[in-house]
Amino acid sequence: MTTNPTGTTPATGTTPATAAASAAVTGAGAGVTETSDADFATDVLSAGPPVLVQFTAAWCGPCRQLKPVLAALAAEEAGRLRVVEIDVDRNPATTLRYGVLATPTLMVFRDGEPVKSMVGARPKRRLGEELADVLD
């Protein structure tokens, strides 16, 4: 990445650190994949292990707070749990199909069916406790 004497990139006017932080906030966290209305059946409903889906939105502050929690959970539970996010604004069909009215909504799917639903951000330890029954 090329920077000018002020330390910003010419094209965006941001510093490399700011650009990296912004990418971390807007994109899916490590181990967390994004899905869409078109791919939801393949990515979630026909997946092998249980899938934790975060229904999220770019404007949702608690959703951004949850990103590192979900990334850590995805890394720790790799092979036992997949973590996927779907943007409610860009994917209204799936959002409506599962009756999502608030963000973040976390929904666990097993064998193509929703088996657990939680609304709101939570710390990693609490989320792990709430998911214990679906991971066993």
Protein backbone atom coordinates (compact mmCIF):
# COMPACT_ATOMS: atom_id res chain seq x y z
CA MET A 1 0.00 0.00 0.00
CA THR A 2 1.41 3.38 -0.99
CA THR A 3 1.21 6.22 1.52
CA ASN A 4 1.95 9.90 1.16
CA PRO A 5 4.02 11.99 3.66
CA THR A 6 0.98 12.38 5.96
CA GLY A 7 0.75 8.59 6.30
CA THR A 8 -2.52 8.30 4.41
CA THR A 9 -3.22 6.38 1.22
CA PRO A 10 -3.77 8.70 -1.74
CA ALA A 11 -6.91 6.96 -2.99
CA THR A 12 -8.80 6.78 0.30
CA GLY A 13 -7.18 9.31 2.61
CA THR A 14 -6.97 6.71 5.39
CA THR A 15 -3.98 5.38 7.26
CA PRO A 16 -3.17 1.67 6.82
CA ALA A 17 -4.17 1.02 10.45
CA THR A 18 -7.51 2.79 9.95
CA ALA A 19 -8.16 0.83 6.75
CA ALA A 20 -7.40 -2.47 8.51
CA ALA A 21 -9.65 -1.59 11.45
CA SER A 22 -12.44 -0.60 9.08
CA ALA A 23 -12.11 -3.88 7.17
CA ALA A 24 -12.28 -5.81 10.43
CA VAL A 25 -15.48 -4.01 11.42
CA THR A 26 -17.29 -4.28 8.10
CA GLY A 27 -16.28 -7.76 6.94
CA ALA A 28 -16.98 -11.13 8.49
CA GLY A 29 -14.53 -12.07 11.22
CA ALA A 30 -11.98 -14.84 10.77
CA GLY A 31 -13.77 -18.17 10.55
CA VAL A 32 -17.10 -16.44 10.03
CA THR A 33 -18.48 -16.69 6.50
CA GLU A 34 -21.10 -14.54 4.84
CA THR A 35 -24.16 -15.94 3.12
CA SER A 36 -27.09 -14.55 1.13
CA ASP A 37 -30.69 -15.37 0.27
CA ALA A 38 -29.41 -17.24 -2.80
CA ASP A 39 -26.85 -19.33 -0.89
CA PHE A 40 -28.59 -19.82 2.47
CA ALA A 41 -29.87 -23.33 1.67
CA THR A 42 -26.41 -24.53 0.66
CA ASP A 43 -24.43 -22.67 3.33
CA VAL A 44 -26.75 -23.31 6.27
CA LEU A 45 -29.60 -25.75 5.70
CA SER A 46 -27.57 -28.54 4.10
CA ALA A 47 -24.41 -28.06 6.17
CA GLY A 48 -23.02 -30.98 8.21
CA PRO A 49 -22.33 -29.62 11.70
CA PRO A 50 -24.71 -27.19 13.45
CA VAL A 51 -24.58 -23.66 12.02
CA LEU A 52 -24.82 -20.48 14.09
CA VAL A 53 -26.26 -17.69 11.93
CA GLN A 54 -25.95 -14.06 12.93
CA PHE A 55 -28.62 -11.90 11.31
CA THR A 56 -26.78 -8.59 11.15
CA ALA A 57 -26.74 -5.13 9.57
CA ALA A 58 -23.97 -2.67 8.78
CA TRP A 59 -25.62 0.01 10.95
CA CYS A 60 -26.01 -2.28 14.00
CA GLY A 61 -23.61 -1.39 16.84
CA PRO A 62 -24.24 -4.54 18.91
CA CYS A 63 -23.63 -6.62 15.75
CA ARG A 64 -20.18 -5.06 15.41
CA GLN A 65 -19.49 -5.80 19.09
CA LEU A 66 -20.40 -9.43 18.49
CA LYS A 67 -18.01 -9.93 15.52
CA PRO A 68 -14.87 -10.73 17.57
CA VAL A 69 -16.91 -12.99 19.85
CA LEU A 70 -18.21 -14.96 16.88
CA ALA A 71 -14.76 -15.10 15.26
CA ALA A 72 -13.27 -16.53 18.47
CA LEU A 73 -16.13 -19.02 18.80
CA ALA A 74 -15.73 -20.11 15.16
CA ALA A 75 -12.01 -20.72 15.73
CA GLU A 76 -12.52 -22.63 18.99
CA GLU A 77 -15.39 -24.77 17.73
CA ALA A 78 -14.10 -25.42 14.19
CA GLY A 79 -15.40 -28.80 13.05
CA ARG A 80 -18.22 -28.80 15.64
CA LEU A 81 -19.94 -25.53 14.71
CA ARG A 82 -19.96 -23.30 11.64
CA VAL A 83 -20.57 -19.57 12.08
CA VAL A 84 -22.26 -17.64 9.29
CA GLU A 85 -23.60 -14.11 9.04
CA ILE A 86 -26.32 -12.70 6.81
CA ASP A 87 -27.09 -9.02 6.26
CA VAL A 88 -30.80 -8.40 6.90
CA ASP A 89 -30.97 -5.36 4.61
CA ARG A 90 -29.47 -7.12 1.59
CA ASN A 91 -31.27 -10.44 2.23
CA PRO A 92 -34.89 -9.75 3.15
CA ALA A 93 -36.31 -13.11 2.04
CA THR A 94 -34.33 -15.16 4.58
CA THR A 95 -34.87 -12.51 7.25
CA LEU A 96 -38.64 -12.67 6.76
CA ARG A 97 -38.70 -16.47 6.44
CA TYR A 98 -37.27 -16.88 9.94
CA GLY A 99 -39.21 -14.01 11.53
CA VAL A 100 -36.16 -11.93 12.45
CA LEU A 101 -37.33 -8.64 13.92
CA ALA A 102 -34.17 -7.38 15.66
CA THR A 103 -30.43 -7.38 15.13
CA PRO A 104 -28.35 -9.09 16.13
CA THR A 105 -30.40 -12.26 16.13
CA LEU A 106 -28.44 -15.48 16.53
CA MET A 107 -30.09 -18.64 15.27
CA VAL A 108 -28.68 -22.16 15.44
CA PHE A 109 -29.61 -24.56 12.64
CA ARG A 110 -29.19 -28.32 12.89
CA ASP A 111 -30.18 -30.68 10.07
CA GLY A 112 -31.76 -27.77 8.19
CA GLU A 113 -34.04 -26.67 11.04
CA PRO A 114 -33.70 -23.80 13.51
CA VAL A 115 -33.20 -25.27 17.00
CA LYS A 116 -32.29 -22.19 19.04
CA SER A 117 -32.74 -18.43 18.75
CA MET A 118 -31.17 -15.61 20.78
CA VAL A 119 -31.48 -11.85 20.40
CA GLY A 120 -28.80 -9.35 21.35
CA ALA A 121 -25.05 -9.23 21.83
CA ARG A 122 -23.49 -11.20 24.65
CA PRO A 123 -20.01 -12.00 25.95
CA LYS A 124 -18.23 -15.09 24.65
CA ARG A 125 -18.53 -17.07 27.86
CA ARG A 126 -22.30 -16.53 28.05
CA LEU A 127 -22.74 -17.40 24.38
CA GLY A 128 -20.69 -20.59 24.90
CA GLU A 129 -22.92 -21.55 27.84
CA GLU A 130 -26.06 -20.93 25.80
CA LEU A 131 -24.72 -23.06 22.95
CA ALA A 132 -23.56 -25.97 25.14
CA ASP A 133 -26.76 -27.97 24.55
CA VAL A 134 -26.51 -27.72 20.74
CA LEU A 135 -22.81 -28.60 20.65
CA ASP A 136 -23.12 -31.85 22.60
